Amino acid sequence: MEMEKRALIAVILSIIILVLYQQLFIKPAPQPQTPGAGVEKKSVRQAHDEAPIKELTSAESKPRGPHGEVLSQPVSVRQAHDDKEKFVSVETPLFKATLSSRCASFSSFELKKYKDKENAPVNILKHPDGLALCIGDEKGFYPDQLIFSISGRDLSLSENNPEGSIIFEFSSSGIFIRRTYTFRYDQYLINVRDEVSGLSSYWITLGGDFGIFEADKSFHTGPVLLKDLDRIEFKAKELETPKIIEGKIRWIALEDKYFFSGLVLMDARRAKVWKTDRPLIALEAKGPVSEYKLYAGPKEHDTLKATGLGLEHIIDFGFFSVVARPIFWILKALYKVIGNYGWAIVVLSILIRIPFTPLIAKGQKSMKKLQDLQPRLEEIRRKYKDDPKRLQMETMELYKKYRVNPFGGCLPILIQLPVFFALYKVLAIAIELRGAPFMLWIKDLSQKDPYFVLPVLMGATMIIQQVLTPSGGDPRQKKLMLFMSGAFTLLFLSFPSGLVLYWLTTNILGIIHQVYLNKQSSSAT
């Protein structure tokens, strides 16, 4: 029995460690700092007098295109520090963005279909510093010097006016840059084309905040890239010295839990990640012409996969992704039929329970046999209390004689753990559940229950299930399981209500199943 108790305690501790992993062992991601709050500008980029714009050029030359043709000059060529910053806006049914003449960069980006706590559009560029899509070189970025002229007016795109472009041009000290942004009314994906003369190569950065709405300590926030098929995340503490990543860079991005900005440049071979007052990431481009894609928006799996650019890999399903992805697909399929993610989770809980039912039944029968053997086990313990080796041998002989597996009740729990953690990841990161209501007071399945009703009900069903389930007759084990019910209830207070709903549904199904097994056992005797 001592061996059984140790095994039970080990299983329980394993569950606690695995469940708490996301909460306790993932360090908080660095919160974005407000520009100007005690941070010098040159911590983000070189100051004007330290790195004049002429240092960007290798030689004086006329701007030429990919085939040697002379490119058109901007309407007026003026020194950057003499120009004033100008803005142009783009509005589609999906987003509203503002672009600046300073480095042809974005200065705001609002997602119209997603709301913050004040019911305002989510802004994934809350702290503009002129670096979002800024061009630079090995030494740094110079948004205060690279002041472009703008060709084009404010865009308002719709089904009747599906596409539009804005052109930025810059020329100074032998450098010519023409950047063309092309937007579509029904896409978060933006086409960007750079025509460059005077630079053999240059860097394009996403800046430090573009794509980040809010940090969550349980999930990665900041730079990430996809090299070949490897998703590589970067934390601020790892960037005391800049990192150069070489290889097939499929995309770079800045992400939070639900949103991101990503840059895709075909044949990109180098990326750079570093830290000033916040982590930054950039991609190297080669002149004279570079065409690439910018995505700025939500982590919607189907939308990202439809781009064909591998952007869906920005969604991190965790260690059990091989289980999480099918669960995610089934959940979305159920939602299309039911129309409510809460009820879709309930149905999913039932579907997940079905394949485990025979195994759970076998484990519960094993626990019932173990309970029936308690008198004989007590007798062996009394008889050989001073001979531990003989006690263990006689106990194992008894188990063998009556075909009882002392670990039979633990195995179903262990096998279900990957499913639980996979579902936890799905419910925690799926933007589809952000703001998705269930019923009554549950207005957002991605957030905790505001009144803690679901966690309390879950704890109550755990106790009921333990009362109904054979435990082997050890009172100390019963007390331990009661303690675990309380511990799980406290733990689940802060979990997404969708996950608590899943666990509650599973417990209710377990109670129904146990009542049925108990009735079968009574009728058999």
Protein backbone atom coordinates (compact mmCIF):
# COMPACT_ATOMS: atom_id res chain seq x y z
CA MET A 1 0.00 0.00 0.00
CA GLU A 2 2.93 2.31 0.70
CA MET A 3 4.05 1.84 -2.89
CA GLU A 4 0.57 2.70 -4.13
CA LYS A 5 0.49 5.84 -2.02
CA ARG A 6 3.86 6.95 -3.32
CA ALA A 7 2.71 6.36 -6.89
CA LEU A 8 -0.47 8.35 -6.31
CA ILE A 9 1.44 11.24 -4.77
CA ALA A 10 3.88 11.19 -7.69
CA VAL A 11 1.03 11.38 -10.21
CA ILE A 12 -0.64 14.24 -8.36
CA LEU A 13 2.61 16.18 -8.12
CA SER A 14 3.22 15.60 -11.83
CA ILE A 15 -0.19 17.03 -12.66
CA ILE A 16 0.41 20.08 -10.48
CA ILE A 17 3.83 20.72 -12.00
CA LEU A 18 2.53 20.41 -15.57
CA VAL A 19 -0.54 22.58 -14.95
CA LEU A 20 1.48 25.26 -13.16
CA TYR A 21 4.24 25.30 -15.80
CA GLN A 22 2.66 28.04 -17.88
CA GLN A 23 1.91 30.14 -14.80
CA LEU A 24 5.12 29.83 -12.81
CA PHE A 25 8.04 29.06 -15.08
CA ILE A 26 7.47 31.35 -18.05
CA LYS A 27 8.98 34.71 -17.21
CA PRO A 28 7.02 37.91 -17.90
CA ALA A 29 7.66 39.42 -21.29
CA PRO A 30 9.04 42.96 -21.21
CA GLN A 31 6.34 45.61 -21.21
CA PRO A 32 6.69 48.22 -23.96
CA GLN A 33 7.88 51.55 -22.60
CA THR A 34 6.40 54.84 -23.57
CA PRO A 35 8.82 56.81 -25.75
CA GLY A 36 10.38 59.70 -23.95
CA ALA A 37 9.97 58.17 -20.49
CA GLY A 38 13.57 58.54 -19.38
CA VAL A 39 14.98 56.99 -22.59
CA GLU A 40 17.17 59.02 -24.92
CA LYS A 41 16.25 58.96 -28.58
CA LYS A 42 19.67 57.77 -29.57
CA SER A 43 19.06 54.57 -27.63
CA VAL A 44 16.66 53.73 -30.45
CA ARG A 45 18.57 55.23 -33.37
CA GLN A 46 21.64 57.33 -34.10
CA ALA A 47 21.29 61.05 -33.47
CA HIS A 48 21.45 63.40 -36.45
CA ASP A 49 24.88 64.82 -35.68
CA GLU A 50 26.32 61.39 -34.88
CA ALA A 51 25.28 59.73 -38.17
CA PRO A 52 24.44 62.16 -40.97
CA ILE A 53 22.50 60.76 -43.85
CA LYS A 54 25.48 60.83 -46.19
CA GLU A 55 26.98 57.89 -44.28
CA LEU A 56 24.30 55.67 -45.78
CA THR A 57 25.65 56.00 -49.30
CA SER A 58 28.57 54.29 -50.95
CA ALA A 59 28.90 56.66 -53.92
CA GLU A 60 27.17 59.49 -55.71
CA SER A 61 25.02 58.07 -58.52
CA LYS A 62 21.87 58.61 -60.43
CA PRO A 63 18.96 56.49 -59.23
CA ARG A 64 18.58 53.47 -61.49
CA GLY A 65 16.18 50.54 -61.62
CA PRO A 66 16.84 46.80 -61.90
CA HIS A 67 17.70 46.99 -65.61
CA GLY A 68 19.79 50.14 -65.46
CA GLU A 69 16.96 52.50 -66.35
CA VAL A 70 17.00 55.96 -64.77
CA LEU A 71 14.25 56.24 -62.18
CA SER A 72 12.15 59.37 -61.81
CA GLN A 73 13.24 61.85 -59.17
CA PRO A 74 10.89 63.08 -56.44
CA VAL A 75 9.16 66.39 -57.08
CA SER A 76 11.55 68.22 -54.77
CA VAL A 77 14.81 67.11 -53.20
CA ARG A 78 15.44 68.77 -49.84
CA GLN A 79 17.59 68.04 -46.84
CA ALA A 80 15.76 65.88 -44.34
CA HIS A 81 16.10 68.21 -41.38
CA ASP A 82 14.43 71.04 -43.32
CA ASP A 83 11.24 69.08 -43.95
CA LYS A 84 8.18 68.74 -41.76
CA GLU A 85 6.58 65.40 -41.08
CA LYS A 86 3.46 64.69 -43.12
CA PHE A 87 0.84 61.97 -42.81
CA VAL A 88 -1.45 59.97 -45.06
CA SER A 89 -4.16 57.53 -43.96
CA VAL A 90 -5.56 54.25 -45.30
CA GLU A 91 -8.91 52.88 -44.22
CA THR A 92 -10.43 49.51 -45.14
CA PRO A 93 -13.23 47.44 -43.58
CA LEU A 94 -10.46 45.66 -41.59
CA PHE A 95 -8.16 48.42 -40.38
CA LYS A 96 -7.33 52.10 -40.30
CA ALA A 97 -3.64 53.01 -40.62
CA THR A 98 -1.66 56.23 -40.68
CA LEU A 99 1.65 56.49 -42.50
CA SER A 100 4.29 59.14 -41.94
CA SER A 101 6.71 60.82 -44.31
CA ARG A 102 9.33 60.14 -41.64
CA CYS A 103 11.08 57.05 -43.00
CA ALA A 104 7.91 56.08 -44.94
CA SER A 105 6.83 54.35 -41.74
CA PHE A 106 3.56 53.57 -39.97
CA SER A 107 2.55 55.81 -37.08
CA SER A 108 -0.71 54.07 -36.11
CA PHE A 109 -2.55 50.87 -36.99
CA GLU A 110 -6.05 50.20 -35.66
CA LEU A 111 -7.88 46.90 -36.15
CA LYS A 112 -11.55 47.75 -36.59
CA LYS A 113 -12.98 44.29 -35.84
CA TYR A 114 -11.25 43.95 -32.47
CA LYS A 115 -12.00 46.10 -29.45
CA ASP A 116 -10.12 47.00 -26.28
CA LYS A 117 -11.65 47.30 -22.81
CA GLU A 118 -13.06 50.72 -23.66
CA ASN A 119 -14.68 49.27 -26.80
CA ALA A 120 -12.30 51.25 -29.01
CA PRO A 121 -10.48 49.61 -31.95
CA VAL A 122 -7.35 47.71 -30.95
CA ASN A 123 -4.25 49.77 -31.80
CA ILE A 124 -1.25 47.53 -32.50
CA LEU A 125 1.09 50.52 -32.82
CA LYS A 126 0.52 52.51 -29.65
CA HIS A 127 4.05 53.90 -29.26
CA PRO A 128 5.23 55.05 -32.73
CA ASP A 129 8.89 56.00 -32.94
CA GLY A 130 9.24 56.23 -36.72
CA LEU A 131 10.78 52.76 -36.95
CA ALA A 132 7.84 50.69 -38.15
CA LEU A 133 9.11 49.72 -41.66
CA CYS A 134 12.03 52.15 -41.45
CA ILE A 135 15.13 51.66 -43.63
CA GLY A 136 18.60 51.64 -42.11
CA ASP A 137 22.11 50.31 -42.44
CA GLU A 138 24.53 48.33 -40.28
CA LYS A 139 25.02 51.34 -38.00
CA GLY A 140 21.40 52.12 -37.24
CA PHE A 141 18.13 53.70 -38.39
CA TYR A 142 17.52 57.38 -39.10
CA PRO A 143 13.81 58.23 -39.20
CA ASP A 144 14.42 61.89 -38.36
CA GLN A 145 16.65 62.24 -41.43
CA LEU A 146 14.84 60.09 -43.96
CA ILE A 147 11.95 62.44 -44.71
CA PHE A 148 10.10 61.29 -47.83
CA SER A 149 7.80 63.10 -50.20
CA ILE A 150 4.36 61.51 -50.57
CA SER A 151 2.56 60.83 -53.85
CA GLY A 152 -1.07 60.00 -53.31
CA ARG A 153 -3.90 61.01 -51.03
CA ASP A 154 -5.81 59.38 -48.20
CA LEU A 155 -7.24 56.01 -49.25
CA SER A 156 -10.67 54.67 -48.41
CA LEU A 157 -11.01 51.16 -49.80
CA SER A 158 -14.15 49.06 -50.17
CA GLU A 159 -15.65 46.46 -52.43
CA ASN A 160 -16.32 49.19 -54.98
CA ASN A 161 -12.78 50.56 -54.63
CA PRO A 162 -10.82 47.40 -53.81
CA GLU A 163 -7.18 48.46 -54.19
CA GLY A 164 -5.00 51.51 -53.81
CA SER A 165 -1.34 52.55 -53.55
CA ILE A 166 0.70 55.24 -51.82
CA ILE A 167 4.19 56.14 -53.04
CA PHE A 168 6.99 57.60 -50.91
CA GLU A 169 10.20 59.01 -52.41
CA PHE A 170 13.50 60.18 -50.95
CA SER A 171 16.69 61.49 -52.55
CA SER A 172 19.81 62.87 -50.92
CA SER A 173 23.60 62.46 -51.16
CA GLY A 174 23.45 59.92 -53.95
CA ILE A 175 20.71 57.81 -52.37
CA PHE A 176 17.35 57.41 -54.02
CA ILE A 177 14.51 55.40 -52.47
CA ARG A 178 11.03 54.93 -53.84
CA ARG A 179 8.66 52.86 -51.70
CA THR A 180 5.21 51.80 -52.90
CA TYR A 181 2.59 50.46 -50.49
CA THR A 182 -0.32 48.62 -52.11
CA PHE A 183 -3.41 47.88 -49.99
CA ARG A 184 -6.51 45.76 -50.60
CA TYR A 185 -9.86 46.28 -48.92
CA ASP A 186 -10.25 42.64 -47.81
CA GLN A 187 -6.73 41.80 -46.59
CA TYR A 188 -4.43 42.48 -43.67
CA LEU A 189 -1.59 41.66 -46.06
CA ILE A 190 0.12 44.69 -47.60
CA ASN A 191 2.41 44.59 -50.65
CA VAL A 192 5.56 46.71 -50.40
CA ARG A 193 8.00 47.49 -53.20
CA ASP A 194 11.30 49.31 -52.68
CA GLU A 195 13.30 50.74 -55.58
CA VAL A 196 16.71 51.74 -54.24
CA SER A 197 19.79 53.34 -55.76
CA GLY A 198 23.00 54.11 -53.90
CA LEU A 199 22.68 51.19 -51.48
CA SER A 200 23.73 47.64 -52.29
CA SER A 201 21.89 46.35 -49.23
CA TYR A 202 19.87 47.78 -46.35
CA TRP A 203 17.83 46.71 -43.32
CA ILE A 204 14.07 47.00 -42.78
CA THR A 205 12.85 46.96 -39.21
CA LEU A 206 9.44 46.42 -37.62
CA GLY A 207 10.48 48.74 -34.81
CA GLY A 208 9.82 47.93 -31.19
CA ASP A 209 6.03 47.98 -30.82
CA PHE A 210 4.39 47.35 -34.19
CA GLY A 211 2.07 44.38 -33.75
CA ILE A 212 1.97 44.41 -29.96
CA PHE A 213 -1.26 45.40 -28.24
CA GLU A 214 -0.69 44.03 -24.73
CA ALA A 215 1.84 41.78 -23.01
CA ASP A 216 0.80 38.61 -21.19
CA LYS A 217 3.37 37.14 -18.82
CA SER A 218 2.30 33.58 -19.71
CA PHE A 219 2.94 34.01 -23.44
CA HIS A 220 5.82 35.27 -25.54
CA THR A 221 5.78 38.95 -26.41
CA GLY A 222 8.37 40.48 -28.73
CA PRO A 223 10.58 39.41 -31.64
CA VAL A 224 10.18 36.01 -33.28
CA LEU A 225 11.21 34.59 -36.64
CA LEU A 226 10.81 31.45 -38.72
CA LYS A 227 14.09 30.02 -39.98
CA ASP A 228 13.42 27.07 -42.28
CA LEU A 229 10.80 25.27 -40.13
CA ASP A 230 12.14 26.44 -36.75
CA ARG A 231 10.22 29.08 -34.85
CA ILE A 232 12.77 31.08 -32.82
CA GLU A 233 11.65 33.42 -30.04
CA PHE A 234 13.78 36.14 -28.44
CA LYS A 235 13.55 37.58 -24.94
CA ALA A 236 14.91 40.95 -23.89
CA LYS A 237 17.44 39.46 -21.46
CA GLU A 238 18.98 37.48 -24.33
CA LEU A 239 19.72 40.60 -26.39
CA GLU A 240 22.43 42.35 -24.41
CA THR A 241 24.49 41.98 -27.58
CA PRO A 242 22.85 42.05 -31.05
CA LYS A 243 22.20 38.72 -32.73
CA ILE A 244 22.56 38.02 -36.44
CA ILE A 245 20.61 35.01 -37.68
CA GLU A 246 21.63 33.60 -41.05
CA GLY A 247 19.89 31.01 -43.20
CA LYS A 248 16.55 30.79 -44.96
CA ILE A 249 14.52 33.39 -43.07
CA ARG A 250 10.88 32.82 -44.00
CA TRP A 251 9.58 35.73 -41.95
CA ILE A 252 10.30 38.00 -38.99
CA ALA A 253 7.64 39.31 -36.61
CA LEU A 254 6.76 41.17 -33.44
CA GLU A 255 4.02 39.36 -31.56
CA ASP A 256 1.87 39.30 -28.48
CA LYS A 257 -0.73 36.73 -27.48
CA TYR A 258 -3.31 37.59 -30.17
CA PHE A 259 -1.74 40.04 -32.65
CA PHE A 260 1.45 40.58 -34.61
CA SER A 261 3.20 42.36 -37.44
CA GLY A 262 5.24 40.22 -39.80
CA LEU A 263 7.59 40.83 -42.70
CA VAL A 264 8.07 38.30 -45.51
CA LEU A 265 10.89 38.81 -48.00
CA MET A 266 11.58 36.06 -50.49
CA ASP A 267 15.17 34.76 -50.45
CA ALA A 268 15.95 36.61 -47.22
CA ARG A 269 19.16 35.25 -45.71
CA ARG A 270 19.89 37.49 -42.73
CA ALA A 271 17.90 38.85 -39.80
CA LYS A 272 19.03 40.99 -36.90
CA VAL A 273 17.63 41.15 -33.37
CA TRP A 274 18.83 43.62 -30.76
CA LYS A 275 17.66 45.73 -27.84
CA THR A 276 17.61 49.44 -27.07
CA ASP A 277 14.85 50.51 -24.70
CA ARG A 278 12.90 47.55 -26.14
CA PRO A 279 13.68 44.53 -28.34
CA LEU A 280 13.77 45.20 -32.11
CA ILE A 281 14.03 42.98 -35.18
CA ALA A 282 15.03 43.68 -38.79
CA LEU A 283 15.46 41.88 -42.09
CA GLU A 284 18.19 42.52 -44.66
CA ALA A 285 17.12 43.42 -48.21
CA LYS A 286 19.20 43.70 -51.37
CA GLY A 287 18.84 46.44 -53.97
CA PRO A 288 17.99 47.71 -56.47
CA VAL A 289 14.43 46.32 -56.19
CA SER A 290 12.91 44.45 -53.25
CA GLU A 291 9.33 43.24 -53.08
CA TYR A 292 7.96 41.93 -49.81
CA LYS A 293 4.80 41.42 -47.80
CA LEU A 294 3.77 43.07 -44.57
CA TYR A 295 1.07 41.49 -42.39
CA ALA A 296 -0.34 43.51 -39.51
CA GLY A 297 -3.34 42.05 -37.74
CA PRO A 298 -4.80 39.19 -35.73
CA LYS A 299 -3.48 35.64 -35.39
CA GLU A 300 -6.39 34.16 -37.32
CA HIS A 301 -5.20 30.72 -38.39
CA ASP A 302 -7.27 30.37 -41.57
CA THR A 303 -6.48 33.92 -42.70
CA LEU A 304 -2.75 33.36 -42.18
CA LYS A 305 -2.70 29.98 -43.87
CA ALA A 306 -4.52 31.40 -46.89
CA THR A 307 -1.58 33.74 -47.54
CA GLY A 308 0.61 30.74 -48.45
CA LEU A 309 3.57 32.40 -46.72
CA GLY A 310 3.88 30.16 -43.65
CA LEU A 311 2.57 32.92 -41.39
CA GLU A 312 0.26 30.44 -39.61
CA HIS A 313 3.36 29.20 -37.76
CA ILE A 314 3.24 32.41 -35.72
CA ILE A 315 0.57 30.60 -33.67
CA ASP A 316 2.45 28.53 -31.11
CA PHE A 317 0.43 25.47 -30.10
CA GLY A 318 3.14 24.38 -27.68
CA PHE A 319 4.81 21.06 -26.93
CA PHE A 320 1.64 19.06 -27.65
CA SER A 321 0.96 20.77 -30.99
CA VAL A 322 0.41 17.40 -32.68
CA VAL A 323 -2.66 17.04 -30.44
CA ALA A 324 -3.59 20.73 -30.23
CA ARG A 325 -3.96 21.31 -33.98
CA PRO A 326 -6.63 18.60 -34.53
CA ILE A 327 -8.46 19.82 -31.41
CA PHE A 328 -8.38 23.38 -32.77
CA TRP A 329 -9.73 22.19 -36.14
CA ILE A 330 -12.57 20.21 -34.49
CA LEU A 331 -13.47 23.14 -32.23
CA LYS A 332 -13.81 25.49 -35.19
CA ALA A 333 -15.82 22.91 -37.12
CA LEU A 334 -18.20 22.54 -34.18
CA TYR A 335 -18.54 26.31 -33.93
CA LYS A 336 -19.61 26.52 -37.58
CA VAL A 337 -22.45 24.12 -36.78
CA ILE A 338 -23.43 25.33 -33.28
CA GLY A 339 -22.62 29.04 -33.53
CA ASN A 340 -21.42 29.32 -29.91
CA TYR A 341 -17.89 28.48 -28.76
CA GLY A 342 -19.10 27.65 -25.24
CA TRP A 343 -21.41 24.89 -26.43
CA ALA A 344 -18.77 23.84 -28.95
CA ILE A 345 -16.41 23.26 -25.98
CA VAL A 346 -19.09 21.19 -24.23
CA VAL A 347 -19.55 18.99 -27.32
CA LEU A 348 -15.77 18.78 -27.76
CA SER A 349 -15.47 17.57 -24.15
CA ILE A 350 -17.91 14.76 -24.91
CA LEU A 351 -16.07 13.79 -28.10
CA ILE A 352 -12.71 13.75 -26.29
CA ARG A 353 -14.18 11.64 -23.49
CA ILE A 354 -15.44 8.89 -25.82
CA PRO A 355 -12.10 7.29 -26.81
CA PHE A 356 -10.93 7.31 -23.18
CA THR A 357 -14.10 5.71 -21.79
CA PRO A 358 -12.93 2.04 -21.98
CA LEU A 359 -9.60 2.93 -20.39
CA ILE A 360 -11.26 4.97 -17.65
CA ALA A 361 -13.71 2.15 -16.96
CA LYS A 362 -10.83 -0.32 -16.70
CA GLY A 363 -9.00 1.96 -14.27
CA GLN A 364 -12.09 2.42 -12.11
CA LYS A 365 -12.67 -1.34 -11.99
CA SER A 366 -9.06 -1.77 -10.93
CA MET A 367 -9.62 0.71 -8.10
CA LYS A 368 -12.76 -1.20 -7.05
CA LYS A 369 -10.79 -4.46 -6.89
CA LEU A 370 -8.14 -2.69 -4.87
CA GLN A 371 -10.78 -1.49 -2.44
CA ASP A 372 -12.09 -5.06 -2.02
CA LEU A 373 -8.56 -6.24 -1.18
CA GLN A 374 -8.08 -3.72 1.61
CA PRO A 375 -8.78 -6.17 4.48
CA ARG A 376 -6.16 -8.60 3.19
CA LEU A 377 -3.68 -5.82 2.58
CA GLU A 378 -4.17 -4.58 6.15
CA GLU A 379 -3.58 -8.09 7.40
CA ILE A 380 -0.29 -8.35 5.45
CA ARG A 381 0.83 -4.97 6.78
CA ARG A 382 0.19 -6.02 10.37
CA LYS A 383 1.89 -9.40 9.90
CA TYR A 384 5.06 -8.09 8.20
CA LYS A 385 5.31 -4.56 9.59
CA ASP A 386 8.84 -5.24 10.78
CA ASP A 387 9.99 -6.83 7.53
CA PRO A 388 9.63 -4.30 4.68
CA LYS A 389 11.10 -6.61 2.05
CA ARG A 390 8.67 -9.43 2.91
CA LEU A 391 5.81 -6.94 3.10
CA GLN A 392 6.48 -5.72 -0.44
CA MET A 393 6.82 -9.27 -1.77
CA GLU A 394 3.56 -10.48 -0.18
CA THR A 395 1.72 -7.37 -1.39
CA MET A 396 2.87 -7.93 -4.97
CA GLU A 397 1.89 -11.60 -4.76
CA LEU A 398 -1.61 -10.58 -3.67
CA TYR A 399 -1.89 -8.12 -6.57
CA LYS A 400 -0.72 -10.83 -8.97
CA LYS A 401 -3.13 -13.45 -7.60
CA TYR A 402 -6.20 -11.24 -7.99
CA ARG A 403 -4.94 -9.50 -11.18
CA VAL A 404 -4.97 -6.05 -9.67
CA ASN A 405 -2.87 -3.23 -11.11
CA PRO A 406 -2.13 -0.72 -8.32
CA PHE A 407 -1.43 1.92 -10.96
CA GLY A 408 -4.60 1.21 -12.95
CA GLY A 409 -6.43 4.24 -11.55
CA CYS A 410 -3.54 6.57 -12.40
CA LEU A 411 -3.02 5.54 -16.02
CA PRO A 412 -6.19 7.18 -17.44
CA ILE A 413 -5.17 10.48 -15.84
CA LEU A 414 -1.67 10.33 -17.29
CA ILE A 415 -2.90 9.48 -20.78
CA GLN A 416 -5.37 12.37 -20.75
CA LEU A 417 -2.73 14.92 -19.72
CA PRO A 418 -1.48 15.65 -23.27
CA VAL A 419 -5.07 16.29 -24.36
CA PHE A 420 -5.64 18.59 -21.39
CA PHE A 421 -2.53 20.68 -22.03
CA ALA A 422 -3.17 20.77 -25.77
CA LEU A 423 -6.69 22.05 -25.14
CA TYR A 424 -5.37 24.53 -22.58
CA LYS A 425 -3.04 25.96 -25.23
CA VAL A 426 -5.81 26.12 -27.83
CA LEU A 427 -8.27 27.88 -25.54
CA ALA A 428 -5.58 30.24 -24.25
CA ILE A 429 -4.15 31.48 -27.56
CA ALA A 430 -6.97 31.14 -30.11
CA ILE A 431 -8.05 34.66 -31.03
CA GLU A 432 -11.33 33.14 -32.21
CA LEU A 433 -12.26 32.83 -28.51
CA ARG A 434 -11.24 36.40 -27.66
CA GLY A 435 -14.48 38.10 -26.71
CA ALA A 436 -16.51 34.97 -27.55
CA PRO A 437 -19.49 34.72 -25.15
CA PHE A 438 -21.02 31.54 -23.72
CA MET A 439 -24.16 32.38 -21.78
CA LEU A 440 -25.38 34.55 -18.91
CA TRP A 441 -22.38 36.12 -17.14
CA ILE A 442 -19.68 34.46 -19.29
CA LYS A 443 -19.02 37.17 -21.88
CA ASP A 444 -15.49 36.15 -22.87
CA LEU A 445 -14.35 32.51 -22.89
CA SER A 446 -10.69 33.58 -23.12
CA GLN A 447 -10.91 35.36 -19.75
CA LYS A 448 -11.45 34.05 -16.23
CA ASP A 449 -14.96 33.72 -14.83
CA PRO A 450 -15.61 37.17 -13.27
CA TYR A 451 -17.71 35.65 -10.46
CA PHE A 452 -15.75 32.36 -10.12
CA VAL A 453 -18.93 30.31 -10.50
CA LEU A 454 -17.45 27.82 -12.96
CA PRO A 455 -14.31 27.11 -10.87
CA VAL A 456 -16.42 26.54 -7.73
CA LEU A 457 -18.76 24.19 -9.61
CA MET A 458 -15.73 22.41 -11.02
CA GLY A 459 -14.30 21.91 -7.52
CA ALA A 460 -17.66 20.61 -6.27
CA THR A 461 -17.90 18.09 -9.10
CA MET A 462 -14.35 16.90 -8.34
CA ILE A 463 -15.38 16.16 -4.75
CA ILE A 464 -18.55 14.35 -5.87
CA GLN A 465 -16.54 12.29 -8.34
CA GLN A 466 -14.03 11.33 -5.62
CA VAL A 467 -16.83 10.28 -3.26
CA LEU A 468 -18.31 8.03 -5.94
CA THR A 469 -14.99 6.58 -7.14
CA PRO A 470 -13.43 3.65 -5.22
CA SER A 471 -10.26 4.93 -3.57
CA GLY A 472 -8.80 1.84 -2.03
CA GLY A 473 -10.20 2.56 1.43
CA ASP A 474 -7.23 4.56 2.73
CA PRO A 475 -8.57 7.56 4.70
CA ARG A 476 -5.31 9.47 4.23
CA GLN A 477 -5.65 9.10 0.48
CA LYS A 478 -9.19 10.46 0.64
CA LYS A 479 -7.96 13.49 2.59
CA LEU A 480 -5.21 14.03 0.04
CA MET A 481 -7.71 13.92 -2.83
CA LEU A 482 -9.97 16.36 -0.98
CA PHE A 483 -7.02 18.70 -0.58
CA MET A 484 -6.33 18.36 -4.30
CA SER A 485 -9.91 19.37 -5.12
CA GLY A 486 -9.41 22.58 -3.19
CA ALA A 487 -6.01 23.20 -4.76
CA PHE A 488 -7.37 22.70 -8.28
CA THR A 489 -10.30 25.02 -7.55
CA LEU A 490 -7.93 27.81 -6.46
CA LEU A 491 -5.68 27.16 -9.45
CA PHE A 492 -8.56 27.35 -11.93
CA LEU A 493 -9.82 30.68 -10.57
CA SER A 494 -7.47 32.50 -12.96
CA PHE A 495 -7.76 30.09 -15.91
CA PRO A 496 -9.74 30.99 -19.07
CA SER A 497 -13.40 30.22 -18.46
CA GLY A 498 -13.43 28.10 -21.64
CA LEU A 499 -10.87 25.73 -20.09
CA VAL A 500 -12.78 25.59 -16.80
CA LEU A 501 -15.93 24.80 -18.77
CA TYR A 502 -14.13 21.90 -20.43
CA TRP A 503 -12.93 20.50 -17.08
CA LEU A 504 -16.39 20.97 -15.50
CA THR A 505 -18.05 19.13 -18.40
CA THR A 506 -15.49 16.33 -18.13
CA ASN A 507 -16.18 15.99 -14.40
CA ILE A 508 -19.95 15.81 -14.98
CA LEU A 509 -19.41 13.11 -17.61
CA GLY A 510 -17.16 11.29 -15.13
CA ILE A 511 -19.86 11.42 -12.44
CA ILE A 512 -22.46 9.99 -14.82
CA HIS A 513 -20.08 7.25 -15.88
CA GLN A 514 -19.16 6.39 -12.28
CA VAL A 515 -22.80 6.17 -11.18
CA TYR A 516 -23.41 3.75 -14.05
CA LEU A 517 -20.38 1.61 -13.10
CA ASN A 518 -21.40 1.58 -9.43
CA LYS A 519 -24.90 0.39 -10.36
CA GLN A 520 -23.41 -2.34 -12.53
CA SER A 521 -21.15 -3.43 -9.68
CA SER A 522 -24.08 -3.52 -7.22
CA SER A 523 -26.28 -5.58 -9.55
CA ALA A 524 -23.40 -8.03 -10.15
CA THR A 525 -23.05 -8.72 -6.43
